[in-house]
All heavy atoms as atom14 arrays in JSON, in Angstrom:
{
  "sequence": "GREERQELDLLAPADARAFCAEVRERVLESLGRELFADDDPLTRGGFV",
  "atom14_mask": [
    [1, 1, 1, 1, 0, 0, 0, 0, 0, 0, 0, 0, 0, 0],
    [1, 1, 1, 1, 1, 1, 1, 1, 1, 1, 1, 0, 0, 0],
    [1, 1, 1, 1, 1, 1, 1, 1, 1, 0, 0, 0, 0, 0],
    [1, 1, 1, 1, 1, 1, 1, 1, 1, 0, 0, 0, 0, 0],
    [1, 1, 1, 1, 1, 1, 1, 1, 1, 1, 1, 0, 0, 0],
    [1, 1, 1, 1, 1, 1, 1, 1, 1, 0, 0, 0, 0, 0],
    [1, 1, 1, 1, 1, 1, 1, 1, 1, 0, 0, 0, 0, 0],
    [1, 1, 1, 1, 1, 1, 1, 1, 0, 0, 0, 0, 0, 0],
    [1, 1, 1, 1, 1, 1, 1, 1, 0, 0, 0, 0, 0, 0],
    [1, 1, 1, 1, 1, 1, 1, 1, 0, 0, 0, 0, 0, 0],
    [1, 1, 1, 1, 1, 1, 1, 1, 0, 0, 0, 0, 0, 0],
    [1, 1, 1, 1, 1, 0, 0, 0, 0, 0, 0, 0, 0, 0],
    [1, 1, 1, 1, 1, 1, 1, 0, 0, 0, 0, 0, 0, 0],
    [1, 1, 1, 1, 1, 0, 0, 0, 0, 0, 0, 0, 0, 0],
    [1, 1, 1, 1, 1, 1, 1, 1, 0, 0, 0, 0, 0, 0],
    [1, 1, 1, 1, 1, 0, 0, 0, 0, 0, 0, 0, 0, 0],
    [1, 1, 1, 1, 1, 1, 1, 1, 1, 1, 1, 0, 0, 0],
    [1, 1, 1, 1, 1, 0, 0, 0, 0, 0, 0, 0, 0, 0],
    [1, 1, 1, 1, 1, 1, 1, 1, 1, 1, 1, 0, 0, 0],
    [1, 1, 1, 1, 1, 1, 0, 0, 0, 0, 0, 0, 0, 0],
    [1, 1, 1, 1, 1, 0, 0, 0, 0, 0, 0, 0, 0, 0],
    [1, 1, 1, 1, 1, 1, 1, 1, 1, 0, 0, 0, 0, 0],
    [1, 1, 1, 1, 1, 1, 1, 0, 0, 0, 0, 0, 0, 0],
    [1, 1, 1, 1, 1, 1, 1, 1, 1, 1, 1, 0, 0, 0],
    [1, 1, 1, 1, 1, 1, 1, 1, 1, 0, 0, 0, 0, 0],
    [1, 1, 1, 1, 1, 1, 1, 1, 1, 1, 1, 0, 0, 0],
    [1, 1, 1, 1, 1, 1, 1, 0, 0, 0, 0, 0, 0, 0],
    [1, 1, 1, 1, 1, 1, 1, 1, 0, 0, 0, 0, 0, 0],
    [1, 1, 1, 1, 1, 1, 1, 1, 1, 0, 0, 0, 0, 0],
    [1, 1, 1, 1, 1, 1, 0, 0, 0, 0, 0, 0, 0, 0],
    [1, 1, 1, 1, 1, 1, 1, 1, 0, 0, 0, 0, 0, 0],
    [1, 1, 1, 1, 0, 0, 0, 0, 0, 0, 0, 0, 0, 0],
    [1, 1, 1, 1, 1, 1, 1, 1, 1, 1, 1, 0, 0, 0],
    [1, 1, 1, 1, 1, 1, 1, 1, 1, 0, 0, 0, 0, 0],
    [1, 1, 1, 1, 1, 1, 1, 1, 0, 0, 0, 0, 0, 0],
    [1, 1, 1, 1, 1, 1, 1, 1, 1, 1, 1, 0, 0, 0],
    [1, 1, 1, 1, 1, 0, 0, 0, 0, 0, 0, 0, 0, 0],
    [1, 1, 1, 1, 1, 1, 1, 1, 0, 0, 0, 0, 0, 0],
    [1, 1, 1, 1, 1, 1, 1, 1, 0, 0, 0, 0, 0, 0],
    [1, 1, 1, 1, 1, 1, 1, 1, 0, 0, 0, 0, 0, 0],
    [1, 1, 1, 1, 1, 1, 1, 0, 0, 0, 0, 0, 0, 0],
    [1, 1, 1, 1, 1, 1, 1, 1, 0, 0, 0, 0, 0, 0],
    [1, 1, 1, 1, 1, 1, 1, 0, 0, 0, 0, 0, 0, 0],
    [1, 1, 1, 1, 1, 1, 1, 1, 1, 1, 1, 0, 0, 0],
    [1, 1, 1, 1, 0, 0, 0, 0, 0, 0, 0, 0, 0, 0],
    [1, 1, 1, 1, 0, 0, 0, 0, 0, 0, 0, 0, 0, 0],
    [1, 1, 1, 1, 1, 1, 1, 1, 1, 1, 1, 0, 0, 0],
    [1, 1, 1, 1, 1, 1, 1, 0, 0, 0, 0, 0, 0, 0]
  ],
  "atom14_positions": [
    [[-4.74, -17.12, -11.14], [-4.75, -18.09, -10.06], [-3.36, -18.27, -9.48], [-2.35, -17.95, -10.12], [0.0, 0.0, 0.0], [0.0, 0.0, 0.0], [0.0, 0.0, 0.0], [0.0, 0.0, 0.0], [0.0, 0.0, 0.0], [0.0, 0.0, 0.0], [0.0, 0.0, 0.0], [0.0, 0.0, 0.0], [0.0, 0.0, 0.0], [0.0, 0.0, 0.0]],
    [[-3.32, -18.77, -8.25], [-2.02, -18.94, -7.61], [-1.09, -19.84, -8.41], [0.14, -19.63, -8.44], [-2.22, -19.51, -6.2], [-2.84, -18.53, -5.22], [-3.07, -19.17, -3.87], [-3.58, -18.19, -2.9], [-3.92, -18.49, -1.65], [-3.81, -19.74, -1.22], [-4.35, -17.56, -0.83], [0.0, 0.0, 0.0], [0.0, 0.0, 0.0], [0.0, 0.0, 0.0]],
    [[-1.65, -20.85, -9.07], [-0.83, -21.79, -9.82], [-0.16, -21.15, -11.03], [0.79, -21.7, -11.59], [-1.67, -22.99, -10.26], [-2.69, -22.7, -11.36], [-3.95, -22.02, -10.86], [-4.07, -21.79, -9.62], [-4.83, -21.73, -11.69], [0.0, 0.0, 0.0], [0.0, 0.0, 0.0], [0.0, 0.0, 0.0], [0.0, 0.0, 0.0], [0.0, 0.0, 0.0]],
    [[-0.62, -19.95, -11.45], [-0.07, -19.28, -12.63], [0.99, -18.24, -12.28], [1.71, -17.77, -13.17], [-1.2, -18.55, -13.38], [-2.36, -19.42, -13.8], [-3.51, -18.59, -14.37], [-3.39, -17.34, -14.4], [-4.53, -19.17, -14.76], [0.0, 0.0, 0.0], [0.0, 0.0, 0.0], [0.0, 0.0, 0.0], [0.0, 0.0, 0.0], [0.0, 0.0, 0.0]],
    [[1.09, -17.87, -11.03], [1.82, -16.64, -10.69], [3.32, -16.75, -10.84], [4.0, -15.75, -11.06], [1.43, -16.2, -9.26], [-0.01, -15.72, -9.2], [-0.5, -15.47, -7.8], [-1.93, -15.13, -7.83], [-2.7, -15.06, -6.75], [-2.2, -15.3, -5.54], [-3.98, -14.75, -6.87], [0.0, 0.0, 0.0], [0.0, 0.0, 0.0], [0.0, 0.0, 0.0]],
    [[3.88, -17.94, -10.75], [5.32, -18.07, -10.91], [5.75, -17.73, -12.34], [6.9, -17.32, -12.57], [5.79, -19.48, -10.56], [7.3, -19.61, -10.48], [7.74, -20.99, -10.04], [7.1, -21.98, -10.37], [8.83, -21.07, -9.28], [0.0, 0.0, 0.0], [0.0, 0.0, 0.0], [0.0, 0.0, 0.0], [0.0, 0.0, 0.0], [0.0, 0.0, 0.0]],
    [[4.83, -17.86, -13.29], [5.16, -17.6, -14.69], [5.01, -16.13, -15.07], [5.33, -15.74, -16.2], [4.27, -18.44, -15.6], [4.32, -19.94, -15.31], [5.74, -20.49, -15.35], [6.49, -20.09, -16.27], [6.1, -21.3, -14.48], [0.0, 0.0, 0.0], [0.0, 0.0, 0.0], [0.0, 0.0, 0.0], [0.0, 0.0, 0.0], [0.0, 0.0, 0.0]],
    [[4.51, -15.31, -14.16], [4.34, -13.88, -14.45], [5.68, -13.14, -14.36], [6.65, -13.65, -13.79], [3.35, -13.27, -13.46], [1.94, -13.88, -13.43], [1.11, -13.24, -12.32], [1.25, -13.71, -14.78], [0.0, 0.0, 0.0], [0.0, 0.0, 0.0], [0.0, 0.0, 0.0], [0.0, 0.0, 0.0], [0.0, 0.0, 0.0], [0.0, 0.0, 0.0]],
    [[5.69, -11.95, -14.91], [6.9, -11.11, -14.88], [6.97, -10.4, -13.52], [6.74, -9.2, -13.41], [6.84, -10.1, -16.02], [8.11, -9.26, -16.12], [9.15, -9.68, -15.57], [8.06, -8.18, -16.74], [0.0, 0.0, 0.0], [0.0, 0.0, 0.0], [0.0, 0.0, 0.0], [0.0, 0.0, 0.0], [0.0, 0.0, 0.0], [0.0, 0.0, 0.0]],
    [[7.29, -11.19, -12.5], [7.27, -10.69, -11.12], [8.52, -9.84, -10.84], [9.59, -10.05, -11.42], [7.23, -11.85, -10.13], [6.06, -12.82, -10.25], [6.19, -13.93, -9.22], [4.73, -12.09, -10.07], [0.0, 0.0, 0.0], [0.0, 0.0, 0.0], [0.0, 0.0, 0.0], [0.0, 0.0, 0.0], [0.0, 0.0, 0.0], [0.0, 0.0, 0.0]],
    [[8.37, -8.9, -9.93], [9.52, -8.16, -9.44], [10.51, -9.11, -8.77], [10.11, -10.06, -8.09], [9.07, -7.11, -8.43], [8.34, -5.88, -8.97], [7.79, -5.06, -7.82], [9.28, -5.03, -9.83], [0.0, 0.0, 0.0], [0.0, 0.0, 0.0], [0.0, 0.0, 0.0], [0.0, 0.0, 0.0], [0.0, 0.0, 0.0], [0.0, 0.0, 0.0]],
    [[11.78, -8.85, -8.95], [12.8, -9.59, -8.21], [12.68, -9.27, -6.73], [12.15, -8.22, -6.35], [14.19, -9.22, -8.73], [0.0, 0.0, 0.0], [0.0, 0.0, 0.0], [0.0, 0.0, 0.0], [0.0, 0.0, 0.0], [0.0, 0.0, 0.0], [0.0, 0.0, 0.0], [0.0, 0.0, 0.0], [0.0, 0.0, 0.0], [0.0, 0.0, 0.0]],
    [[13.15, -10.15, -5.84], [13.0, -9.9, -4.4], [13.48, -8.53, -3.95], [12.78, -7.84, -3.2], [13.81, -11.04, -3.78], [13.66, -12.16, -4.75], [13.68, -11.5, -6.1], [0.0, 0.0, 0.0], [0.0, 0.0, 0.0], [0.0, 0.0, 0.0], [0.0, 0.0, 0.0], [0.0, 0.0, 0.0], [0.0, 0.0, 0.0], [0.0, 0.0, 0.0]],
    [[14.66, -8.1, -4.4], [15.16, -6.79, -3.98], [14.26, -5.67, -4.5], [14.0, -4.68, -3.79], [16.59, -6.59, -4.48], [0.0, 0.0, 0.0], [0.0, 0.0, 0.0], [0.0, 0.0, 0.0], [0.0, 0.0, 0.0], [0.0, 0.0, 0.0], [0.0, 0.0, 0.0], [0.0, 0.0, 0.0], [0.0, 0.0, 0.0], [0.0, 0.0, 0.0]],
    [[13.77, -5.82, -5.71], [12.88, -4.8, -6.27], [11.53, -4.78, -5.57], [10.92, -3.72, -5.4], [12.69, -5.04, -7.77], [13.98, -4.84, -8.56], [14.83, -4.06, -8.11], [14.13, -5.49, -9.61], [0.0, 0.0, 0.0], [0.0, 0.0, 0.0], [0.0, 0.0, 0.0], [0.0, 0.0, 0.0], [0.0, 0.0, 0.0], [0.0, 0.0, 0.0]],
    [[11.05, -5.95, -5.18], [9.77, -6.01, -4.44], [9.91, -5.31, -3.09], [9.01, -4.57, -2.67], [9.34, -7.46, -4.26], [0.0, 0.0, 0.0], [0.0, 0.0, 0.0], [0.0, 0.0, 0.0], [0.0, 0.0, 0.0], [0.0, 0.0, 0.0], [0.0, 0.0, 0.0], [0.0, 0.0, 0.0], [0.0, 0.0, 0.0], [0.0, 0.0, 0.0]],
    [[11.03, -5.54, -2.42], [11.25, -4.85, -1.14], [11.32, -3.34, -1.35], [10.76, -2.57, -0.57], [12.54, -5.36, -0.5], [12.48, -6.79, 0.05], [13.74, -7.1, 0.84], [13.75, -8.46, 1.35], [14.33, -9.49, 0.74], [14.94, -9.31, -0.43], [14.28, -10.7, 1.27], [0.0, 0.0, 0.0], [0.0, 0.0, 0.0], [0.0, 0.0, 0.0]],
    [[12.03, -2.93, -2.39], [12.16, -1.49, -2.66], [10.81, -0.87, -3.0], [10.51, 0.25, -2.57], [13.16, -1.28, -3.79], [0.0, 0.0, 0.0], [0.0, 0.0, 0.0], [0.0, 0.0, 0.0], [0.0, 0.0, 0.0], [0.0, 0.0, 0.0], [0.0, 0.0, 0.0], [0.0, 0.0, 0.0], [0.0, 0.0, 0.0], [0.0, 0.0, 0.0]],
    [[9.99, -1.58, -3.76], [8.66, -1.08, -4.1], [7.82, -0.9, -2.86], [7.18, 0.14, -2.66], [8.0, -2.04, -5.09], [6.55, -1.77, -5.33], [6.12, -0.54, -5.81], [5.6, -2.76, -5.1], [4.77, -0.29, -6.04], [4.25, -2.53, -5.33], [3.84, -1.29, -5.8], [0.0, 0.0, 0.0], [0.0, 0.0, 0.0], [0.0, 0.0, 0.0]],
    [[7.81, -1.91, -1.98], [7.04, -1.81, -0.74], [7.54, -0.65, 0.12], [6.74, 0.07, 0.74], [7.13, -3.12, 0.05], [6.21, -4.49, -0.69], [0.0, 0.0, 0.0], [0.0, 0.0, 0.0], [0.0, 0.0, 0.0], [0.0, 0.0, 0.0], [0.0, 0.0, 0.0], [0.0, 0.0, 0.0], [0.0, 0.0, 0.0], [0.0, 0.0, 0.0]],
    [[8.84, -0.46, 0.18], [9.41, 0.63, 0.98], [9.02, 1.99, 0.4], [8.72, 2.93, 1.15], [10.92, 0.49, 1.05], [0.0, 0.0, 0.0], [0.0, 0.0, 0.0], [0.0, 0.0, 0.0], [0.0, 0.0, 0.0], [0.0, 0.0, 0.0], [0.0, 0.0, 0.0], [0.0, 0.0, 0.0], [0.0, 0.0, 0.0], [0.0, 0.0, 0.0]],
    [[9.03, 2.11, -0.94], [8.66, 3.38, -1.57], [7.19, 3.72, -1.3], [6.85, 4.85, -0.97], [8.91, 3.3, -3.07], [8.58, 4.6, -3.81], [8.69, 4.48, -5.32], [9.06, 3.37, -5.8], [8.39, 5.46, -6.0], [0.0, 0.0, 0.0], [0.0, 0.0, 0.0], [0.0, 0.0, 0.0], [0.0, 0.0, 0.0], [0.0, 0.0, 0.0]],
    [[6.33, 2.7, -1.44], [4.91, 2.92, -1.15], [4.73, 3.36, 0.3], [4.02, 4.33, 0.6], [4.1, 1.65, -1.44], [2.66, 1.81, -0.94], [4.11, 1.33, -2.93], [0.0, 0.0, 0.0], [0.0, 0.0, 0.0], [0.0, 0.0, 0.0], [0.0, 0.0, 0.0], [0.0, 0.0, 0.0], [0.0, 0.0, 0.0], [0.0, 0.0, 0.0]],
    [[5.37, 2.67, 1.2], [5.22, 2.97, 2.63], [5.71, 4.38, 2.94], [5.09, 5.11, 3.74], [5.95, 1.93, 3.48], [5.93, 2.21, 4.98], [4.51, 2.36, 5.54], [3.66, 1.25, 5.23], [3.63, 0.12, 5.96], [4.44, -0.01, 7.0], [2.8, -0.84, 5.63], [0.0, 0.0, 0.0], [0.0, 0.0, 0.0], [0.0, 0.0, 0.0]],
    [[6.81, 4.8, 2.34], [7.31, 6.16, 2.58], [6.28, 7.19, 2.17], [6.02, 8.16, 2.9], [8.62, 6.37, 1.81], [9.25, 7.74, 2.05], [10.57, 7.91, 1.32], [10.98, 6.98, 0.59], [11.19, 8.99, 1.48], [0.0, 0.0, 0.0], [0.0, 0.0, 0.0], [0.0, 0.0, 0.0], [0.0, 0.0, 0.0], [0.0, 0.0, 0.0]],
    [[5.64, 7.0, 1.02], [4.63, 7.95, 0.56], [3.38, 7.9, 1.44], [2.74, 8.93, 1.67], [4.27, 7.65, -0.9], [5.44, 7.94, -1.84], [5.04, 7.75, -3.28], [4.0, 8.69, -3.69], [3.51, 8.75, -4.93], [3.97, 7.94, -5.86], [2.56, 9.62, -5.23], [0.0, 0.0, 0.0], [0.0, 0.0, 0.0], [0.0, 0.0, 0.0]],
    [[3.04, 6.72, 1.93], [1.89, 6.6, 2.82], [2.13, 7.37, 4.11], [1.27, 8.12, 4.59], [1.59, 5.12, 3.12], [0.64, 4.98, 4.31], [1.0, 4.45, 1.89], [0.0, 0.0, 0.0], [0.0, 0.0, 0.0], [0.0, 0.0, 0.0], [0.0, 0.0, 0.0], [0.0, 0.0, 0.0], [0.0, 0.0, 0.0], [0.0, 0.0, 0.0]],
    [[3.31, 7.21, 4.7], [3.61, 7.9, 5.95], [3.64, 9.42, 5.75], [3.22, 10.17, 6.63], [4.93, 7.4, 6.51], [4.95, 5.92, 6.96], [6.34, 5.53, 7.46], [3.91, 5.65, 8.03], [0.0, 0.0, 0.0], [0.0, 0.0, 0.0], [0.0, 0.0, 0.0], [0.0, 0.0, 0.0], [0.0, 0.0, 0.0], [0.0, 0.0, 0.0]],
    [[4.11, 9.84, 4.59], [4.07, 11.28, 4.29], [2.63, 11.79, 4.21], [2.3, 12.87, 4.72], [4.79, 11.56, 2.97], [6.31, 11.39, 3.02], [6.94, 11.53, 1.66], [6.18, 11.69, 0.66], [8.18, 11.48, 1.55], [0.0, 0.0, 0.0], [0.0, 0.0, 0.0], [0.0, 0.0, 0.0], [0.0, 0.0, 0.0], [0.0, 0.0, 0.0]],
    [[1.77, 11.01, 3.58], [0.39, 11.45, 3.39], [-0.41, 11.42, 4.68], [-1.43, 12.11, 4.79], [-0.3, 10.57, 2.34], [-0.51, 9.25, 2.83], [0.0, 0.0, 0.0], [0.0, 0.0, 0.0], [0.0, 0.0, 0.0], [0.0, 0.0, 0.0], [0.0, 0.0, 0.0], [0.0, 0.0, 0.0], [0.0, 0.0, 0.0], [0.0, 0.0, 0.0]],
    [[0.02, 10.62, 5.65], [-0.73, 10.53, 6.91], [-0.8, 11.86, 7.64], [-1.73, 12.11, 8.4], [-0.11, 9.46, 7.82], [-0.7, 8.06, 7.69], [0.14, 7.06, 8.46], [-2.14, 8.03, 8.18], [0.0, 0.0, 0.0], [0.0, 0.0, 0.0], [0.0, 0.0, 0.0], [0.0, 0.0, 0.0], [0.0, 0.0, 0.0], [0.0, 0.0, 0.0]],
    [[0.19, 12.72, 7.42], [0.17, 14.02, 8.07], [-0.99, 14.89, 7.62], [-1.37, 15.83, 8.33], [0.0, 0.0, 0.0], [0.0, 0.0, 0.0], [0.0, 0.0, 0.0], [0.0, 0.0, 0.0], [0.0, 0.0, 0.0], [0.0, 0.0, 0.0], [0.0, 0.0, 0.0], [0.0, 0.0, 0.0], [0.0, 0.0, 0.0], [0.0, 0.0, 0.0]],
    [[-1.6, 14.53, 6.48], [-2.73, 15.29, 5.96], [-4.05, 14.56, 6.15], [-5.1, 15.06, 5.75], [-2.52, 15.58, 4.47], [-1.27, 16.41, 4.17], [-1.14, 16.73, 2.7], [-0.89, 15.54, 1.9], [0.32, 15.04, 1.68], [1.39, 15.61, 2.22], [0.49, 13.96, 0.94], [0.0, 0.0, 0.0], [0.0, 0.0, 0.0], [0.0, 0.0, 0.0]],
    [[-4.0, 13.37, 6.74], [-5.21, 12.56, 6.89], [-6.03, 13.07, 8.06], [-5.52, 13.22, 9.17], [-4.83, 11.08, 7.12], [-6.01, 10.15, 7.18], [-6.78, 10.13, 5.87], [-6.27, 9.57, 4.88], [-7.9, 10.71, 5.87], [0.0, 0.0, 0.0], [0.0, 0.0, 0.0], [0.0, 0.0, 0.0], [0.0, 0.0, 0.0], [0.0, 0.0, 0.0]],
    [[-7.31, 13.32, 7.82], [-8.2, 13.88, 8.85], [-9.05, 12.82, 9.54], [-9.7, 13.11, 10.54], [-9.12, 14.94, 8.23], [-8.42, 16.14, 7.6], [-9.46, 17.06, 6.95], [-7.6, 16.9, 8.64], [0.0, 0.0, 0.0], [0.0, 0.0, 0.0], [0.0, 0.0, 0.0], [0.0, 0.0, 0.0], [0.0, 0.0, 0.0], [0.0, 0.0, 0.0]],
    [[-9.07, 11.59, 9.0], [-9.93, 10.53, 9.54], [-11.37, 11.04, 9.72], [-11.97, 10.92, 10.77], [-9.39, 10.01, 10.88], [-8.0, 9.43, 10.77], [-6.89, 10.14, 11.2], [-7.8, 8.19, 10.2], [-5.61, 9.61, 11.08], [-6.53, 7.65, 10.07], [-5.43, 8.36, 10.51], [0.0, 0.0, 0.0], [0.0, 0.0, 0.0], [0.0, 0.0, 0.0]],
    [[-11.89, 11.61, 8.65], [-13.19, 12.28, 8.7], [-14.32, 11.31, 9.0], [-14.41, 10.23, 8.4], [-13.44, 12.98, 7.37], [0.0, 0.0, 0.0], [0.0, 0.0, 0.0], [0.0, 0.0, 0.0], [0.0, 0.0, 0.0], [0.0, 0.0, 0.0], [0.0, 0.0, 0.0], [0.0, 0.0, 0.0], [0.0, 0.0, 0.0], [0.0, 0.0, 0.0]],
    [[-15.2, 11.7, 9.92], [-16.33, 10.86, 10.3], [-17.34, 10.7, 9.17], [-18.1, 9.72, 9.15], [-17.03, 11.43, 11.54], [-16.22, 11.22, 12.81], [-15.28, 10.41, 12.76], [-16.54, 11.86, 13.81], [0.0, 0.0, 0.0], [0.0, 0.0, 0.0], [0.0, 0.0, 0.0], [0.0, 0.0, 0.0], [0.0, 0.0, 0.0], [0.0, 0.0, 0.0]],
    [[-17.38, 11.63, 8.23], [-18.36, 11.54, 7.16], [-17.88, 10.69, 5.99], [-18.58, 10.51, 4.99], [-18.75, 12.94, 6.65], [-17.55, 13.72, 6.12], [-16.41, 13.24, 6.24], [-17.77, 14.82, 5.57], [0.0, 0.0, 0.0], [0.0, 0.0, 0.0], [0.0, 0.0, 0.0], [0.0, 0.0, 0.0], [0.0, 0.0, 0.0], [0.0, 0.0, 0.0]],
    [[-16.67, 10.14, 6.1], [-16.12, 9.25, 5.07], [-15.94, 7.87, 5.69], [-15.07, 7.68, 6.54], [-14.78, 9.78, 4.56], [-14.19, 8.92, 3.46], [-14.7, 7.8, 3.23], [-13.21, 9.36, 2.83], [0.0, 0.0, 0.0], [0.0, 0.0, 0.0], [0.0, 0.0, 0.0], [0.0, 0.0, 0.0], [0.0, 0.0, 0.0], [0.0, 0.0, 0.0]],
    [[-16.75, 6.87, 5.3], [-16.64, 5.55, 5.94], [-15.29, 4.88, 5.73], [-14.91, 4.01, 6.51], [-17.77, 4.75, 5.3], [-18.09, 5.46, 4.03], [-17.82, 6.91, 4.3], [0.0, 0.0, 0.0], [0.0, 0.0, 0.0], [0.0, 0.0, 0.0], [0.0, 0.0, 0.0], [0.0, 0.0, 0.0], [0.0, 0.0, 0.0], [0.0, 0.0, 0.0]],
    [[-14.54, 5.29, 4.7], [-13.22, 4.72, 4.49], [-12.21, 5.2, 5.52], [-11.36, 4.43, 5.98], [-12.71, 5.06, 3.09], [-12.99, 4.06, 1.96], [-12.46, 4.61, 0.66], [-12.42, 2.7, 2.26], [0.0, 0.0, 0.0], [0.0, 0.0, 0.0], [0.0, 0.0, 0.0], [0.0, 0.0, 0.0], [0.0, 0.0, 0.0], [0.0, 0.0, 0.0]],
    [[-12.29, 6.47, 5.9], [-11.29, 7.02, 6.81], [-11.77, 7.06, 8.26], [-10.94, 7.2, 9.17], [-10.89, 8.43, 6.38], [-12.05, 9.29, 6.42], [-10.32, 8.43, 4.97], [0.0, 0.0, 0.0], [0.0, 0.0, 0.0], [0.0, 0.0, 0.0], [0.0, 0.0, 0.0], [0.0, 0.0, 0.0], [0.0, 0.0, 0.0], [0.0, 0.0, 0.0]],
    [[-13.08, 6.97, 8.5], [-13.61, 7.06, 9.86], [-12.98, 5.98, 10.73], [-13.0, 4.8, 10.41], [-15.13, 6.89, 9.84], [-15.77, 7.02, 11.23], [-17.28, 7.02, 11.15], [-17.79, 5.83, 10.47], [-18.7, 5.85, 9.51], [-19.2, 7.0, 9.08], [-19.12, 4.72, 8.97], [0.0, 0.0, 0.0], [0.0, 0.0, 0.0], [0.0, 0.0, 0.0]],
    [[-12.38, 6.42, 11.84], [-11.72, 5.48, 12.74], [-10.47, 4.87, 12.17], [-9.92, 3.92, 12.74], [0.0, 0.0, 0.0], [0.0, 0.0, 0.0], [0.0, 0.0, 0.0], [0.0, 0.0, 0.0], [0.0, 0.0, 0.0], [0.0, 0.0, 0.0], [0.0, 0.0, 0.0], [0.0, 0.0, 0.0], [0.0, 0.0, 0.0], [0.0, 0.0, 0.0]],
    [[-10.0, 5.41, 11.03], [-8.81, 4.84, 10.4], [-9.07, 3.52, 9.69], [-8.16, 2.72, 9.49], [0.0, 0.0, 0.0], [0.0, 0.0, 0.0], [0.0, 0.0, 0.0], [0.0, 0.0, 0.0], [0.0, 0.0, 0.0], [0.0, 0.0, 0.0], [0.0, 0.0, 0.0], [0.0, 0.0, 0.0], [0.0, 0.0, 0.0], [0.0, 0.0, 0.0]],
    [[-10.34, 3.29, 9.25], [-10.71, 1.98, 8.71], [-9.8, 1.54, 7.57], [-9.29, 0.42, 7.58], [-12.17, 1.98, 8.24], [-12.53, 0.71, 7.5], [-12.89, -0.43, 8.21], [-12.46, 0.64, 6.11], [-13.19, -1.61, 7.54], [-12.75, -0.54, 5.43], [-13.12, -1.66, 6.15], [0.0, 0.0, 0.0], [0.0, 0.0, 0.0], [0.0, 0.0, 0.0]],
    [[-9.6, 2.38, 6.56], [-8.86, 1.92, 5.38], [-7.41, 1.61, 5.74], [-6.81, 0.68, 5.19], [-8.97, 2.95, 4.23], [-8.18, 4.23, 4.54], [-8.5, 2.33, 2.92], [0.0, 0.0, 0.0], [0.0, 0.0, 0.0], [0.0, 0.0, 0.0], [0.0, 0.0, 0.0], [0.0, 0.0, 0.0], [0.0, 0.0, 0.0], [0.0, 0.0, 0.0]]
  ]
}
């Protein structure tokens, strides 16, 4: 629950930013191979 989350072993702000940036870099790399296939409801029209 939201009331519990401050007590978790959360990433420090700088580390959270770095994690988001690393994920985004890999996502943008993978987009070059994305076909947005009509037979896959997750990718059709870029839904996911």
